[in-house]
Amino acid sequence: MPDPVEPAPHRKIICNAAWLVAWDEAAQSHCYRRDVDLAIEGDTIAAISPARPADHGDAIEIDGRGFAILPALSISTPIRLPSRC
């Protein structure tokens, strides 16, 4: 049973995303999906579905038109600062 003091996780829907980089478990590789809705609950991807008009209830809707979604993309790059002589 959830803790009554802790707020329920917010549900977010990224609607009409142009591209999604997803993991295809059967093929054991990444795949690209077009025109999708992505539902996120807390910090977990709850659902991926074809983009379509829908009533998402109290979910926070984010317009994904023209954007690509790369879940869990983390980029860490080393930075070299020029030394002064």
N, C-alpha and C. Protein backbone atom coordinates (compact mmCIF):
# COMPACT_ATOMS: atom_id res chain seq x y z
N MET A 1 0.84 -1.17 0.00
CA MET A 1 0.00 0.00 0.00
C MET A 1 0.89 1.24 0.00
N PRO A 2 0.60 2.23 -0.87
CA PRO A 2 1.44 3.42 -0.92
C PRO A 2 1.36 4.23 0.36
N ASP A 3 2.44 4.91 0.64
CA ASP A 3 2.50 5.77 1.81
C ASP A 3 1.59 6.98 1.58
N PRO A 4 0.61 7.24 2.47
CA PRO A 4 -0.33 8.35 2.25
C PRO A 4 0.33 9.72 2.31
N VAL A 5 1.52 9.81 2.91
CA VAL A 5 2.22 11.08 3.01
C VAL A 5 2.92 11.40 1.69
N GLU A 6 3.33 10.37 0.99
CA GLU A 6 4.05 10.54 -0.26
C GLU A 6 3.06 10.82 -1.40
N PRO A 7 3.28 11.88 -2.20
CA PRO A 7 2.35 12.17 -3.30
C PRO A 7 2.44 11.10 -4.38
N ALA A 8 1.34 10.88 -5.05
CA ALA A 8 1.31 9.91 -6.15
C ALA A 8 2.21 10.42 -7.27
N PRO A 9 2.89 9.51 -7.97
CA PRO A 9 3.75 9.95 -9.07
C PRO A 9 2.92 10.59 -10.17
N HIS A 10 3.46 11.66 -10.73
CA HIS A 10 2.76 12.33 -11.82
C HIS A 10 2.89 11.52 -13.09
N ARG A 11 1.81 11.48 -13.84
CA ARG A 11 1.82 10.80 -15.13
C ARG A 11 2.02 11.86 -16.19
N LYS A 12 2.98 11.63 -17.06
CA LYS A 12 3.26 12.54 -18.16
C LYS A 12 3.10 11.78 -19.46
N ILE A 13 2.57 12.45 -20.46
CA ILE A 13 2.42 11.86 -21.79
C ILE A 13 3.13 12.77 -22.78
N ILE A 14 4.12 12.24 -23.47
CA ILE A 14 4.72 12.97 -24.59
C ILE A 14 3.92 12.54 -25.81
N CYS A 15 3.15 13.48 -26.35
CA CYS A 15 2.21 13.18 -27.43
C CYS A 15 2.81 13.47 -28.80
N ASN A 16 2.53 12.60 -29.75
CA ASN A 16 2.87 12.81 -31.15
C ASN A 16 4.36 12.97 -31.41
N ALA A 17 5.20 12.25 -30.68
CA ALA A 17 6.64 12.36 -30.92
C ALA A 17 6.95 11.86 -32.33
N ALA A 18 7.78 12.61 -33.03
CA ALA A 18 8.11 12.24 -34.41
C ALA A 18 8.91 10.94 -34.45
N TRP A 19 9.86 10.79 -33.54
CA TRP A 19 10.72 9.60 -33.50
C TRP A 19 10.93 9.17 -32.05
N LEU A 20 11.11 7.87 -31.87
CA LEU A 20 11.47 7.30 -30.57
C LEU A 20 12.51 6.23 -30.81
N VAL A 21 13.62 6.32 -30.10
CA VAL A 21 14.61 5.25 -30.13
C VAL A 21 14.23 4.29 -29.01
N ALA A 22 13.89 3.07 -29.37
CA ALA A 22 13.41 2.08 -28.40
C ALA A 22 14.30 0.84 -28.44
N TRP A 23 14.10 -0.03 -27.48
CA TRP A 23 14.83 -1.30 -27.43
C TRP A 23 13.88 -2.41 -27.86
N ASP A 24 14.29 -3.16 -28.87
CA ASP A 24 13.52 -4.30 -29.35
C ASP A 24 14.08 -5.54 -28.67
N GLU A 25 13.36 -6.02 -27.67
CA GLU A 25 13.84 -7.16 -26.87
C GLU A 25 14.04 -8.40 -27.72
N ALA A 26 13.14 -8.67 -28.66
CA ALA A 26 13.25 -9.87 -29.50
C ALA A 26 14.49 -9.83 -30.39
N ALA A 27 14.78 -8.66 -30.96
CA ALA A 27 15.93 -8.54 -31.86
C ALA A 27 17.21 -8.20 -31.11
N GLN A 28 17.09 -7.88 -29.82
CA GLN A 28 18.23 -7.48 -29.00
C GLN A 28 19.00 -6.32 -29.63
N SER A 29 18.25 -5.33 -30.10
CA SER A 29 18.87 -4.14 -30.69
C SER A 29 17.93 -2.96 -30.59
N HIS A 30 18.47 -1.79 -30.86
CA HIS A 30 17.64 -0.59 -30.87
C HIS A 30 16.80 -0.57 -32.14
N CYS A 31 15.68 0.09 -32.06
CA CYS A 31 14.82 0.28 -33.23
C CYS A 31 14.28 1.69 -33.18
N TYR A 32 13.77 2.14 -34.29
CA TYR A 32 13.23 3.49 -34.40
C TYR A 32 11.73 3.39 -34.65
N ARG A 33 10.97 4.12 -33.86
CA ARG A 33 9.51 4.13 -34.03
C ARG A 33 9.09 5.54 -34.37
N ARG A 34 8.12 5.67 -35.24
CA ARG A 34 7.64 6.97 -35.69
C ARG A 34 6.26 7.24 -35.13
N ASP A 35 5.99 8.53 -34.89
CA ASP A 35 4.65 9.00 -34.52
C ASP A 35 4.06 8.20 -33.36
N VAL A 36 4.63 8.41 -32.17
CA VAL A 36 4.20 7.66 -30.99
C VAL A 36 3.84 8.60 -29.84
N ASP A 37 3.09 8.05 -28.88
CA ASP A 37 2.84 8.67 -27.59
C ASP A 37 3.64 7.86 -26.57
N LEU A 38 4.28 8.55 -25.64
CA LEU A 38 5.07 7.89 -24.62
C LEU A 38 4.53 8.30 -23.26
N ALA A 39 4.08 7.33 -22.47
CA ALA A 39 3.54 7.60 -21.13
C ALA A 39 4.62 7.32 -20.09
N ILE A 40 4.79 8.26 -19.17
CA ILE A 40 5.80 8.14 -18.12
C ILE A 40 5.09 8.29 -16.78
N GLU A 41 5.33 7.35 -15.88
CA GLU A 41 4.80 7.42 -14.52
C GLU A 41 5.97 7.45 -13.56
N GLY A 42 6.10 8.54 -12.83
CA GLY A 42 7.27 8.70 -11.96
C GLY A 42 8.50 8.79 -12.83
N ASP A 43 9.42 7.85 -12.67
CA ASP A 43 10.62 7.82 -13.51
C ASP A 43 10.66 6.57 -14.39
N THR A 44 9.48 6.00 -14.68
CA THR A 44 9.38 4.77 -15.45
C THR A 44 8.54 4.97 -16.70
N ILE A 45 9.00 4.40 -17.81
CA ILE A 45 8.19 4.41 -19.03
C ILE A 45 7.06 3.41 -18.82
N ALA A 46 5.83 3.90 -18.85
CA ALA A 46 4.67 3.05 -18.58
C ALA A 46 4.08 2.47 -19.86
N ALA A 47 4.15 3.20 -20.98
CA ALA A 47 3.54 2.70 -22.22
C ALA A 47 4.08 3.48 -23.42
N ILE A 48 4.13 2.79 -24.55
CA ILE A 48 4.43 3.39 -25.84
C ILE A 48 3.31 2.96 -26.76
N SER A 49 2.67 3.92 -27.42
CA SER A 49 1.56 3.58 -28.30
C SER A 49 1.57 4.48 -29.53
N PRO A 50 0.89 4.06 -30.59
CA PRO A 50 0.79 4.93 -31.76
C PRO A 50 0.15 6.26 -31.36
N ALA A 51 0.64 7.34 -31.96
CA ALA A 51 0.09 8.67 -31.67
C ALA A 51 -1.36 8.73 -32.12
N ARG A 52 -2.21 9.23 -31.23
CA ARG A 52 -3.62 9.36 -31.57
C ARG A 52 -4.27 10.32 -30.58
N PRO A 53 -5.32 10.98 -31.02
CA PRO A 53 -6.03 11.84 -30.07
C PRO A 53 -6.63 10.98 -28.96
N ALA A 54 -6.43 11.39 -27.74
CA ALA A 54 -6.97 10.62 -26.62
C ALA A 54 -7.16 11.53 -25.42
N ASP A 55 -8.01 11.10 -24.52
CA ASP A 55 -8.19 11.81 -23.27
C ASP A 55 -7.22 11.20 -22.27
N HIS A 56 -6.23 11.96 -21.87
CA HIS A 56 -5.21 11.45 -20.96
C HIS A 56 -5.52 11.78 -19.51
N GLY A 57 -6.75 12.14 -19.24
CA GLY A 57 -7.16 12.41 -17.87
C GLY A 57 -6.37 13.54 -17.25
N ASP A 58 -5.81 13.29 -16.08
CA ASP A 58 -5.08 14.34 -15.37
C ASP A 58 -3.59 14.33 -15.68
N ALA A 59 -3.17 13.60 -16.72
CA ALA A 59 -1.76 13.53 -17.08
C ALA A 59 -1.27 14.88 -17.61
N ILE A 60 -0.02 15.15 -17.37
CA ILE A 60 0.62 16.33 -17.95
C ILE A 60 0.97 15.97 -19.38
N GLU A 61 0.48 16.76 -20.34
CA GLU A 61 0.73 16.49 -21.76
C GLU A 61 1.86 17.37 -22.27
N ILE A 62 2.80 16.75 -22.97
CA ILE A 62 3.93 17.46 -23.57
C ILE A 62 3.85 17.23 -25.07
N ASP A 63 3.88 18.31 -25.84
CA ASP A 63 3.79 18.22 -27.30
C ASP A 63 5.13 17.76 -27.85
N GLY A 64 5.17 16.56 -28.44
CA GLY A 64 6.40 16.00 -28.97
C GLY A 64 6.55 16.16 -30.48
N ARG A 65 5.63 16.88 -31.12
CA ARG A 65 5.72 17.03 -32.58
C ARG A 65 7.06 17.63 -32.99
N GLY A 66 7.69 16.96 -33.95
CA GLY A 66 8.97 17.44 -34.47
C GLY A 66 10.17 17.06 -33.63
N PHE A 67 9.97 16.30 -32.57
CA PHE A 67 11.07 15.93 -31.68
C PHE A 67 11.35 14.43 -31.71
N ALA A 68 12.59 14.08 -31.39
CA ALA A 68 12.99 12.68 -31.22
C ALA A 68 13.17 12.44 -29.72
N ILE A 69 12.76 11.26 -29.26
CA ILE A 69 12.89 10.90 -27.85
C ILE A 69 13.94 9.81 -27.75
N LEU A 70 14.90 10.03 -26.89
CA LEU A 70 15.96 9.05 -26.63
C LEU A 70 15.96 8.77 -25.14
N PRO A 71 15.11 7.85 -24.67
CA PRO A 71 15.02 7.59 -23.23
C PRO A 71 16.37 7.16 -22.64
N ALA A 72 16.66 7.69 -21.47
CA ALA A 72 17.85 7.34 -20.69
C ALA A 72 19.15 7.72 -21.38
N LEU A 73 19.11 8.67 -22.29
CA LEU A 73 20.34 9.11 -22.93
C LEU A 73 21.11 9.96 -21.94
N SER A 74 22.33 9.57 -21.70
CA SER A 74 23.18 10.31 -20.80
C SER A 74 24.51 10.54 -21.51
N ILE A 75 24.91 11.79 -21.61
CA ILE A 75 26.15 12.11 -22.32
C ILE A 75 27.11 12.72 -21.33
N SER A 76 28.29 12.15 -21.26
CA SER A 76 29.33 12.68 -20.39
C SER A 76 30.55 12.90 -21.26
N THR A 77 30.99 14.12 -21.36
CA THR A 77 32.14 14.41 -22.20
C THR A 77 33.23 15.08 -21.36
N PRO A 78 34.47 14.66 -21.58
CA PRO A 78 35.55 15.34 -20.87
C PRO A 78 35.78 16.73 -21.46
N ILE A 79 36.13 17.66 -20.61
CA ILE A 79 36.35 19.02 -21.06
C ILE A 79 37.81 19.39 -20.74
N ARG A 80 38.50 19.89 -21.74
CA ARG A 80 39.85 20.36 -21.51
C ARG A 80 39.85 21.87 -21.58
N LEU A 81 40.25 22.45 -20.50
CA LEU A 81 40.35 23.90 -20.46
C LEU A 81 41.75 24.30 -20.92
N PRO A 82 41.84 25.32 -21.75
CA PRO A 82 43.18 25.73 -22.21
C PRO A 82 43.99 26.24 -21.03
N SER A 83 45.26 25.85 -21.03
CA SER A 83 46.13 26.35 -19.94
C SER A 83 46.75 27.66 -20.42
N ARG A 84 47.00 28.51 -19.49
CA ARG A 84 47.63 29.81 -19.80
C ARG A 84 49.10 29.73 -19.43
N CYS A 85 49.93 30.09 -20.35
CA CYS A 85 51.38 30.06 -20.10
C CYS A 85 51.90 31.43 -19.81
